[in-house]
All heavy atoms as atom14 arrays in JSON, in Angstrom:
{
  "sequence": "APSDLPPPPLALPPRAALFLDLDGTLAPIMPRPEQVGPDAR",
  "atom14_mask": [
    [1, 1, 1, 1, 1, 0, 0, 0, 0, 0, 0, 0, 0, 0],
    [1, 1, 1, 1, 1, 1, 1, 0, 0, 0, 0, 0, 0, 0],
    [1, 1, 1, 1, 1, 1, 0, 0, 0, 0, 0, 0, 0, 0],
    [1, 1, 1, 1, 1, 1, 1, 1, 0, 0, 0, 0, 0, 0],
    [1, 1, 1, 1, 1, 1, 1, 1, 0, 0, 0, 0, 0, 0],
    [1, 1, 1, 1, 1, 1, 1, 0, 0, 0, 0, 0, 0, 0],
    [1, 1, 1, 1, 1, 1, 1, 0, 0, 0, 0, 0, 0, 0],
    [1, 1, 1, 1, 1, 1, 1, 0, 0, 0, 0, 0, 0, 0],
    [1, 1, 1, 1, 1, 1, 1, 0, 0, 0, 0, 0, 0, 0],
    [1, 1, 1, 1, 1, 1, 1, 1, 0, 0, 0, 0, 0, 0],
    [1, 1, 1, 1, 1, 0, 0, 0, 0, 0, 0, 0, 0, 0],
    [1, 1, 1, 1, 1, 1, 1, 1, 0, 0, 0, 0, 0, 0],
    [1, 1, 1, 1, 1, 1, 1, 0, 0, 0, 0, 0, 0, 0],
    [1, 1, 1, 1, 1, 1, 1, 0, 0, 0, 0, 0, 0, 0],
    [1, 1, 1, 1, 1, 1, 1, 1, 1, 1, 1, 0, 0, 0],
    [1, 1, 1, 1, 1, 0, 0, 0, 0, 0, 0, 0, 0, 0],
    [1, 1, 1, 1, 1, 0, 0, 0, 0, 0, 0, 0, 0, 0],
    [1, 1, 1, 1, 1, 1, 1, 1, 0, 0, 0, 0, 0, 0],
    [1, 1, 1, 1, 1, 1, 1, 1, 1, 1, 1, 0, 0, 0],
    [1, 1, 1, 1, 1, 1, 1, 1, 0, 0, 0, 0, 0, 0],
    [1, 1, 1, 1, 1, 1, 1, 1, 0, 0, 0, 0, 0, 0],
    [1, 1, 1, 1, 1, 1, 1, 1, 0, 0, 0, 0, 0, 0],
    [1, 1, 1, 1, 1, 1, 1, 1, 0, 0, 0, 0, 0, 0],
    [1, 1, 1, 1, 0, 0, 0, 0, 0, 0, 0, 0, 0, 0],
    [1, 1, 1, 1, 1, 1, 1, 0, 0, 0, 0, 0, 0, 0],
    [1, 1, 1, 1, 1, 1, 1, 1, 0, 0, 0, 0, 0, 0],
    [1, 1, 1, 1, 1, 0, 0, 0, 0, 0, 0, 0, 0, 0],
    [1, 1, 1, 1, 1, 1, 1, 0, 0, 0, 0, 0, 0, 0],
    [1, 1, 1, 1, 1, 1, 1, 1, 0, 0, 0, 0, 0, 0],
    [1, 1, 1, 1, 1, 1, 1, 1, 0, 0, 0, 0, 0, 0],
    [1, 1, 1, 1, 1, 1, 1, 0, 0, 0, 0, 0, 0, 0],
    [1, 1, 1, 1, 1, 1, 1, 1, 1, 1, 1, 0, 0, 0],
    [1, 1, 1, 1, 1, 1, 1, 0, 0, 0, 0, 0, 0, 0],
    [1, 1, 1, 1, 1, 1, 1, 1, 1, 0, 0, 0, 0, 0],
    [1, 1, 1, 1, 1, 1, 1, 1, 1, 0, 0, 0, 0, 0],
    [1, 1, 1, 1, 1, 1, 1, 0, 0, 0, 0, 0, 0, 0],
    [1, 1, 1, 1, 0, 0, 0, 0, 0, 0, 0, 0, 0, 0],
    [1, 1, 1, 1, 1, 1, 1, 0, 0, 0, 0, 0, 0, 0],
    [1, 1, 1, 1, 1, 1, 1, 1, 0, 0, 0, 0, 0, 0],
    [1, 1, 1, 1, 1, 0, 0, 0, 0, 0, 0, 0, 0, 0],
    [1, 1, 1, 1, 1, 1, 1, 1, 1, 1, 1, 0, 0, 0]
  ],
  "atom14_positions": [
    [[23.37, 111.83, 73.45], [22.03, 111.47, 73.89], [21.1, 111.65, 72.69], [21.1, 112.69, 72.05], [21.59, 112.37, 75.03], [0.0, 0.0, 0.0], [0.0, 0.0, 0.0], [0.0, 0.0, 0.0], [0.0, 0.0, 0.0], [0.0, 0.0, 0.0], [0.0, 0.0, 0.0], [0.0, 0.0, 0.0], [0.0, 0.0, 0.0], [0.0, 0.0, 0.0]],
    [[20.31, 110.61, 72.33], [19.46, 110.72, 71.14], [18.55, 111.94, 71.14], [18.29, 112.52, 70.09], [18.66, 109.42, 71.17], [19.54, 108.46, 71.89], [20.25, 109.28, 72.93], [0.0, 0.0, 0.0], [0.0, 0.0, 0.0], [0.0, 0.0, 0.0], [0.0, 0.0, 0.0], [0.0, 0.0, 0.0], [0.0, 0.0, 0.0], [0.0, 0.0, 0.0]],
    [[18.07, 112.36, 72.32], [17.16, 113.5, 72.38], [17.84, 114.8, 71.96], [17.17, 115.77, 71.61], [16.6, 113.65, 73.8], [17.66, 113.83, 74.73], [0.0, 0.0, 0.0], [0.0, 0.0, 0.0], [0.0, 0.0, 0.0], [0.0, 0.0, 0.0], [0.0, 0.0, 0.0], [0.0, 0.0, 0.0], [0.0, 0.0, 0.0], [0.0, 0.0, 0.0]],
    [[19.16, 114.82, 71.98], [19.9, 116.01, 71.62], [20.22, 116.09, 70.13], [20.76, 117.1, 69.66], [21.23, 116.09, 72.38], [21.03, 116.21, 73.88], [19.95, 116.68, 74.29], [21.94, 115.82, 74.64], [0.0, 0.0, 0.0], [0.0, 0.0, 0.0], [0.0, 0.0, 0.0], [0.0, 0.0, 0.0], [0.0, 0.0, 0.0], [0.0, 0.0, 0.0]],
    [[19.91, 115.04, 69.38], [20.35, 114.97, 67.99], [19.38, 115.69, 67.05], [18.18, 115.42, 67.08], [20.5, 113.52, 67.55], [21.52, 112.67, 68.32], [21.57, 111.27, 67.73], [22.89, 113.31, 68.29], [0.0, 0.0, 0.0], [0.0, 0.0, 0.0], [0.0, 0.0, 0.0], [0.0, 0.0, 0.0], [0.0, 0.0, 0.0], [0.0, 0.0, 0.0]],
    [[19.88, 116.54, 66.18], [19.03, 117.19, 65.18], [18.83, 116.26, 63.98], [19.53, 115.25, 63.85], [19.87, 118.41, 64.78], [21.27, 117.93, 64.91], [21.28, 117.01, 66.11], [0.0, 0.0, 0.0], [0.0, 0.0, 0.0], [0.0, 0.0, 0.0], [0.0, 0.0, 0.0], [0.0, 0.0, 0.0], [0.0, 0.0, 0.0], [0.0, 0.0, 0.0]],
    [[17.88, 116.58, 63.1], [17.76, 115.82, 61.87], [18.96, 116.06, 60.96], [19.62, 117.11, 61.07], [16.46, 116.35, 61.24], [16.29, 117.71, 61.83], [16.87, 117.64, 63.22], [0.0, 0.0, 0.0], [0.0, 0.0, 0.0], [0.0, 0.0, 0.0], [0.0, 0.0, 0.0], [0.0, 0.0, 0.0], [0.0, 0.0, 0.0], [0.0, 0.0, 0.0]],
    [[19.27, 115.13, 60.07], [20.43, 115.31, 59.19], [20.16, 116.41, 58.16], [19.01, 116.69, 57.82], [20.56, 113.95, 58.5], [19.19, 113.38, 58.54], [18.59, 113.85, 59.84], [0.0, 0.0, 0.0], [0.0, 0.0, 0.0], [0.0, 0.0, 0.0], [0.0, 0.0, 0.0], [0.0, 0.0, 0.0], [0.0, 0.0, 0.0], [0.0, 0.0, 0.0]],
    [[21.21, 117.05, 57.65], [21.01, 118.05, 56.6], [20.45, 117.41, 55.35], [20.7, 116.24, 55.07], [22.43, 118.59, 56.38], [23.34, 117.53, 56.89], [22.62, 116.85, 58.01], [0.0, 0.0, 0.0], [0.0, 0.0, 0.0], [0.0, 0.0, 0.0], [0.0, 0.0, 0.0], [0.0, 0.0, 0.0], [0.0, 0.0, 0.0], [0.0, 0.0, 0.0]],
    [[19.67, 118.2, 54.6], [19.1, 117.66, 53.36], [20.19, 117.35, 52.35], [20.09, 116.38, 51.59], [18.1, 118.66, 52.77], [16.78, 118.81, 53.53], [15.86, 119.78, 52.81], [16.09, 117.46, 53.69], [0.0, 0.0, 0.0], [0.0, 0.0, 0.0], [0.0, 0.0, 0.0], [0.0, 0.0, 0.0], [0.0, 0.0, 0.0], [0.0, 0.0, 0.0]],
    [[21.21, 118.18, 52.3], [22.29, 117.96, 51.33], [23.27, 116.92, 51.87], [23.81, 117.08, 52.96], [23.01, 119.28, 51.06], [0.0, 0.0, 0.0], [0.0, 0.0, 0.0], [0.0, 0.0, 0.0], [0.0, 0.0, 0.0], [0.0, 0.0, 0.0], [0.0, 0.0, 0.0], [0.0, 0.0, 0.0], [0.0, 0.0, 0.0], [0.0, 0.0, 0.0]],
    [[23.47, 115.86, 51.12], [24.48, 114.87, 51.5], [25.87, 115.46, 51.27], [26.04, 116.4, 50.48], [24.31, 113.61, 50.65], [23.05, 112.79, 50.92], [22.89, 111.7, 49.86], [23.09, 112.18, 52.32], [0.0, 0.0, 0.0], [0.0, 0.0, 0.0], [0.0, 0.0, 0.0], [0.0, 0.0, 0.0], [0.0, 0.0, 0.0], [0.0, 0.0, 0.0]],
    [[26.89, 114.93, 51.94], [28.25, 115.43, 51.7], [28.66, 115.23, 50.25], [28.12, 114.36, 49.56], [29.11, 114.55, 52.63], [28.17, 114.0, 53.64], [26.85, 113.87, 52.96], [0.0, 0.0, 0.0], [0.0, 0.0, 0.0], [0.0, 0.0, 0.0], [0.0, 0.0, 0.0], [0.0, 0.0, 0.0], [0.0, 0.0, 0.0], [0.0, 0.0, 0.0]],
    [[29.61, 116.02, 49.78], [30.13, 115.8, 48.42], [30.65, 114.37, 48.28], [31.31, 113.85, 49.17], [31.26, 116.82, 48.31], [30.93, 117.87, 49.31], [30.25, 117.17, 50.44], [0.0, 0.0, 0.0], [0.0, 0.0, 0.0], [0.0, 0.0, 0.0], [0.0, 0.0, 0.0], [0.0, 0.0, 0.0], [0.0, 0.0, 0.0], [0.0, 0.0, 0.0]],
    [[30.35, 113.75, 47.17], [30.74, 112.36, 46.89], [30.42, 111.44, 48.08], [31.25, 110.69, 48.57], [32.22, 112.26, 46.52], [32.53, 111.0, 45.71], [33.9, 110.99, 45.08], [34.01, 109.82, 44.22], [34.33, 108.6, 44.65], [34.61, 108.4, 45.92], [34.38, 107.59, 43.81], [0.0, 0.0, 0.0], [0.0, 0.0, 0.0], [0.0, 0.0, 0.0]],
    [[29.17, 111.5, 48.5], [28.73, 110.67, 49.61], [28.55, 109.22, 49.18], [28.29, 108.91, 48.01], [27.41, 111.2, 50.16], [0.0, 0.0, 0.0], [0.0, 0.0, 0.0], [0.0, 0.0, 0.0], [0.0, 0.0, 0.0], [0.0, 0.0, 0.0], [0.0, 0.0, 0.0], [0.0, 0.0, 0.0], [0.0, 0.0, 0.0], [0.0, 0.0, 0.0]],
    [[28.69, 108.32, 50.16], [28.32, 106.91, 50.0], [27.31, 106.6, 51.09], [27.54, 106.9, 52.27], [29.54, 106.01, 50.14], [0.0, 0.0, 0.0], [0.0, 0.0, 0.0], [0.0, 0.0, 0.0], [0.0, 0.0, 0.0], [0.0, 0.0, 0.0], [0.0, 0.0, 0.0], [0.0, 0.0, 0.0], [0.0, 0.0, 0.0], [0.0, 0.0, 0.0]],
    [[26.19, 106.02, 50.71], [25.14, 105.7, 51.67], [25.19, 104.23, 52.05], [25.23, 103.35, 51.19], [23.76, 106.01, 51.07], [23.2, 107.41, 51.24], [21.86, 107.52, 50.5], [23.01, 107.76, 52.72], [0.0, 0.0, 0.0], [0.0, 0.0, 0.0], [0.0, 0.0, 0.0], [0.0, 0.0, 0.0], [0.0, 0.0, 0.0], [0.0, 0.0, 0.0]],
    [[25.16, 103.98, 53.36], [25.1, 102.63, 53.91], [23.83, 102.56, 54.75], [23.71, 103.25, 55.77], [26.34, 102.34, 54.74], [27.61, 102.4, 53.94], [28.35, 103.58, 53.9], [28.04, 101.31, 53.21], [29.52, 103.65, 53.15], [29.2, 101.38, 52.46], [29.95, 102.55, 52.42], [0.0, 0.0, 0.0], [0.0, 0.0, 0.0], [0.0, 0.0, 0.0]],
    [[22.87, 101.75, 54.32], [21.53, 101.75, 54.9], [21.2, 100.41, 55.52], [21.31, 99.36, 54.86], [20.49, 102.08, 53.82], [20.72, 103.37, 53.03], [19.69, 103.48, 51.88], [20.62, 104.59, 53.94], [0.0, 0.0, 0.0], [0.0, 0.0, 0.0], [0.0, 0.0, 0.0], [0.0, 0.0, 0.0], [0.0, 0.0, 0.0], [0.0, 0.0, 0.0]],
    [[20.77, 100.43, 56.77], [20.17, 99.26, 57.39], [18.82, 99.02, 56.7], [18.3, 99.89, 55.98], [20.0, 99.54, 58.88], [19.37, 98.39, 59.62], [19.66, 97.23, 59.29], [18.56, 98.64, 60.54], [0.0, 0.0, 0.0], [0.0, 0.0, 0.0], [0.0, 0.0, 0.0], [0.0, 0.0, 0.0], [0.0, 0.0, 0.0], [0.0, 0.0, 0.0]],
    [[18.22, 97.86, 56.95], [16.95, 97.53, 56.3], [15.78, 97.63, 57.27], [15.01, 98.59, 57.22], [17.04, 96.13, 55.68], [15.81, 95.61, 54.92], [15.28, 96.63, 53.93], [16.13, 94.3, 54.23], [0.0, 0.0, 0.0], [0.0, 0.0, 0.0], [0.0, 0.0, 0.0], [0.0, 0.0, 0.0], [0.0, 0.0, 0.0], [0.0, 0.0, 0.0]],
    [[15.65, 96.69, 58.18], [14.5, 96.68, 59.09], [14.56, 97.86, 60.06], [15.57, 98.08, 60.73], [14.46, 95.37, 59.88], [14.2, 94.18, 58.99], [13.04, 93.95, 58.63], [15.17, 93.5, 58.62], [0.0, 0.0, 0.0], [0.0, 0.0, 0.0], [0.0, 0.0, 0.0], [0.0, 0.0, 0.0], [0.0, 0.0, 0.0], [0.0, 0.0, 0.0]],
    [[13.47, 98.62, 60.12], [13.42, 99.78, 60.98], [14.03, 101.02, 60.36], [13.93, 102.11, 60.92], [0.0, 0.0, 0.0], [0.0, 0.0, 0.0], [0.0, 0.0, 0.0], [0.0, 0.0, 0.0], [0.0, 0.0, 0.0], [0.0, 0.0, 0.0], [0.0, 0.0, 0.0], [0.0, 0.0, 0.0], [0.0, 0.0, 0.0], [0.0, 0.0, 0.0]],
    [[14.64, 100.87, 59.18], [15.3, 101.99, 58.5], [14.72, 102.21, 57.12], [14.25, 103.29, 56.79], [16.82, 101.74, 58.41], [17.35, 101.62, 59.74], [17.52, 102.88, 57.69], [0.0, 0.0, 0.0], [0.0, 0.0, 0.0], [0.0, 0.0, 0.0], [0.0, 0.0, 0.0], [0.0, 0.0, 0.0], [0.0, 0.0, 0.0], [0.0, 0.0, 0.0]],
    [[14.74, 101.17, 56.29], [14.11, 101.24, 54.97], [12.74, 100.57, 54.97], [11.98, 100.72, 54.01], [14.99, 100.55, 53.93], [16.26, 101.29, 53.49], [17.07, 100.41, 52.55], [15.92, 102.62, 52.82], [0.0, 0.0, 0.0], [0.0, 0.0, 0.0], [0.0, 0.0, 0.0], [0.0, 0.0, 0.0], [0.0, 0.0, 0.0], [0.0, 0.0, 0.0]],
    [[12.44, 99.84, 56.01], [11.18, 99.1, 56.09], [10.71, 99.09, 57.54], [11.52, 99.21, 58.46], [11.36, 97.67, 55.59], [0.0, 0.0, 0.0], [0.0, 0.0, 0.0], [0.0, 0.0, 0.0], [0.0, 0.0, 0.0], [0.0, 0.0, 0.0], [0.0, 0.0, 0.0], [0.0, 0.0, 0.0], [0.0, 0.0, 0.0], [0.0, 0.0, 0.0]],
    [[9.4, 98.94, 57.77], [8.91, 98.89, 59.14], [9.29, 97.58, 59.82], [9.52, 96.56, 59.17], [7.38, 98.98, 58.95], [7.13, 98.41, 57.6], [8.32, 98.81, 56.76], [0.0, 0.0, 0.0], [0.0, 0.0, 0.0], [0.0, 0.0, 0.0], [0.0, 0.0, 0.0], [0.0, 0.0, 0.0], [0.0, 0.0, 0.0], [0.0, 0.0, 0.0]],
    [[9.38, 97.63, 61.14], [9.55, 96.4, 61.93], [8.2, 95.67, 61.96], [7.19, 96.25, 62.34], [10.01, 96.71, 63.36], [11.35, 97.46, 63.35], [10.07, 95.44, 64.18], [12.53, 96.62, 62.98], [0.0, 0.0, 0.0], [0.0, 0.0, 0.0], [0.0, 0.0, 0.0], [0.0, 0.0, 0.0], [0.0, 0.0, 0.0], [0.0, 0.0, 0.0]],
    [[8.21, 94.42, 61.56], [6.98, 93.63, 61.53], [7.03, 92.53, 62.6], [8.12, 92.16, 63.06], [6.8, 93.0, 60.14], [6.72, 94.02, 59.01], [5.25, 95.06, 59.1], [4.0, 93.91, 58.54], [0.0, 0.0, 0.0], [0.0, 0.0, 0.0], [0.0, 0.0, 0.0], [0.0, 0.0, 0.0], [0.0, 0.0, 0.0], [0.0, 0.0, 0.0]],
    [[5.87, 91.99, 62.99], [5.87, 90.93, 64.0], [6.71, 89.73, 63.62], [7.33, 89.09, 64.47], [4.38, 90.57, 64.12], [3.66, 91.81, 63.71], [4.5, 92.42, 62.63], [0.0, 0.0, 0.0], [0.0, 0.0, 0.0], [0.0, 0.0, 0.0], [0.0, 0.0, 0.0], [0.0, 0.0, 0.0], [0.0, 0.0, 0.0], [0.0, 0.0, 0.0]],
    [[6.74, 89.39, 62.32], [7.54, 88.28, 61.83], [8.4, 88.78, 60.67], [7.92, 89.51, 59.8], [6.65, 87.12, 61.35], [5.74, 86.55, 62.43], [4.87, 85.43, 61.9], [5.66, 84.27, 61.51], [5.99, 83.28, 62.35], [5.6, 83.32, 63.62], [6.7, 82.26, 61.92], [0.0, 0.0, 0.0], [0.0, 0.0, 0.0], [0.0, 0.0, 0.0]],
    [[9.68, 88.43, 60.62], [10.58, 88.95, 59.58], [10.1, 88.7, 58.16], [10.29, 89.54, 57.27], [11.9, 88.2, 59.85], [11.85, 87.85, 61.3], [10.4, 87.58, 61.6], [0.0, 0.0, 0.0], [0.0, 0.0, 0.0], [0.0, 0.0, 0.0], [0.0, 0.0, 0.0], [0.0, 0.0, 0.0], [0.0, 0.0, 0.0], [0.0, 0.0, 0.0]],
    [[9.45, 87.56, 57.92], [9.02, 87.25, 56.55], [7.86, 88.12, 56.08], [7.51, 88.12, 54.89], [8.64, 85.77, 56.44], [7.43, 85.34, 57.25], [7.78, 84.87, 58.65], [8.86, 85.23, 59.15], [6.96, 84.13, 59.23], [0.0, 0.0, 0.0], [0.0, 0.0, 0.0], [0.0, 0.0, 0.0], [0.0, 0.0, 0.0], [0.0, 0.0, 0.0]],
    [[7.25, 88.88, 57.01], [6.15, 89.77, 56.61], [6.65, 91.03, 55.91], [5.84, 91.77, 55.34], [5.33, 90.14, 57.84], [4.55, 88.97, 58.43], [3.85, 89.31, 59.73], [4.32, 90.15, 60.5], [2.71, 88.66, 59.98], [0.0, 0.0, 0.0], [0.0, 0.0, 0.0], [0.0, 0.0, 0.0], [0.0, 0.0, 0.0], [0.0, 0.0, 0.0]],
    [[7.93, 91.31, 55.97], [8.49, 92.45, 55.24], [8.73, 92.02, 53.81], [9.38, 91.0, 53.55], [9.81, 92.92, 55.88], [10.4, 94.09, 55.1], [9.59, 93.31, 57.33], [0.0, 0.0, 0.0], [0.0, 0.0, 0.0], [0.0, 0.0, 0.0], [0.0, 0.0, 0.0], [0.0, 0.0, 0.0], [0.0, 0.0, 0.0], [0.0, 0.0, 0.0]],
    [[8.21, 92.8, 52.87], [8.34, 92.45, 51.46], [8.62, 93.66, 50.59], [8.88, 94.76, 51.09], [0.0, 0.0, 0.0], [0.0, 0.0, 0.0], [0.0, 0.0, 0.0], [0.0, 0.0, 0.0], [0.0, 0.0, 0.0], [0.0, 0.0, 0.0], [0.0, 0.0, 0.0], [0.0, 0.0, 0.0], [0.0, 0.0, 0.0], [0.0, 0.0, 0.0]],
    [[8.6, 93.47, 49.28], [8.87, 94.56, 48.35], [7.9, 95.72, 48.53], [6.77, 95.56, 48.99], [8.68, 93.9, 46.97], [8.94, 92.45, 47.21], [8.4, 92.18, 48.58], [0.0, 0.0, 0.0], [0.0, 0.0, 0.0], [0.0, 0.0, 0.0], [0.0, 0.0, 0.0], [0.0, 0.0, 0.0], [0.0, 0.0, 0.0], [0.0, 0.0, 0.0]],
    [[8.37, 96.92, 48.18], [7.58, 98.14, 48.31], [7.91, 99.04, 47.13], [9.09, 99.3, 46.85], [7.92, 98.83, 49.63], [7.2, 100.16, 49.79], [6.03, 100.14, 50.22], [7.81, 101.2, 49.48], [0.0, 0.0, 0.0], [0.0, 0.0, 0.0], [0.0, 0.0, 0.0], [0.0, 0.0, 0.0], [0.0, 0.0, 0.0], [0.0, 0.0, 0.0]],
    [[6.87, 99.52, 46.44], [7.08, 100.28, 45.2], [7.82, 101.6, 45.45], [8.73, 101.97, 44.69], [5.74, 100.55, 44.53], [0.0, 0.0, 0.0], [0.0, 0.0, 0.0], [0.0, 0.0, 0.0], [0.0, 0.0, 0.0], [0.0, 0.0, 0.0], [0.0, 0.0, 0.0], [0.0, 0.0, 0.0], [0.0, 0.0, 0.0], [0.0, 0.0, 0.0]],
    [[7.43, 102.31, 46.51], [8.1, 103.59, 46.78], [9.58, 103.38, 47.1], [10.45, 104.1, 46.59], [7.42, 104.32, 47.94], [8.08, 105.67, 48.24], [7.66, 106.27, 49.55], [8.32, 107.55, 49.79], [8.33, 108.19, 50.94], [7.69, 107.68, 51.98], [8.98, 109.34, 51.07], [0.0, 0.0, 0.0], [0.0, 0.0, 0.0], [0.0, 0.0, 0.0]]
  ]
}
């Protein structure tokens, strides 16, 4: 159940590989997909 989940540990596992979704994960969900663009941070 999502409400039971803690935040992830700050330390990644040894020799970790990161697989990241984009919309809603690395970028906000926007009303139209083309409104998501580059971000300096």
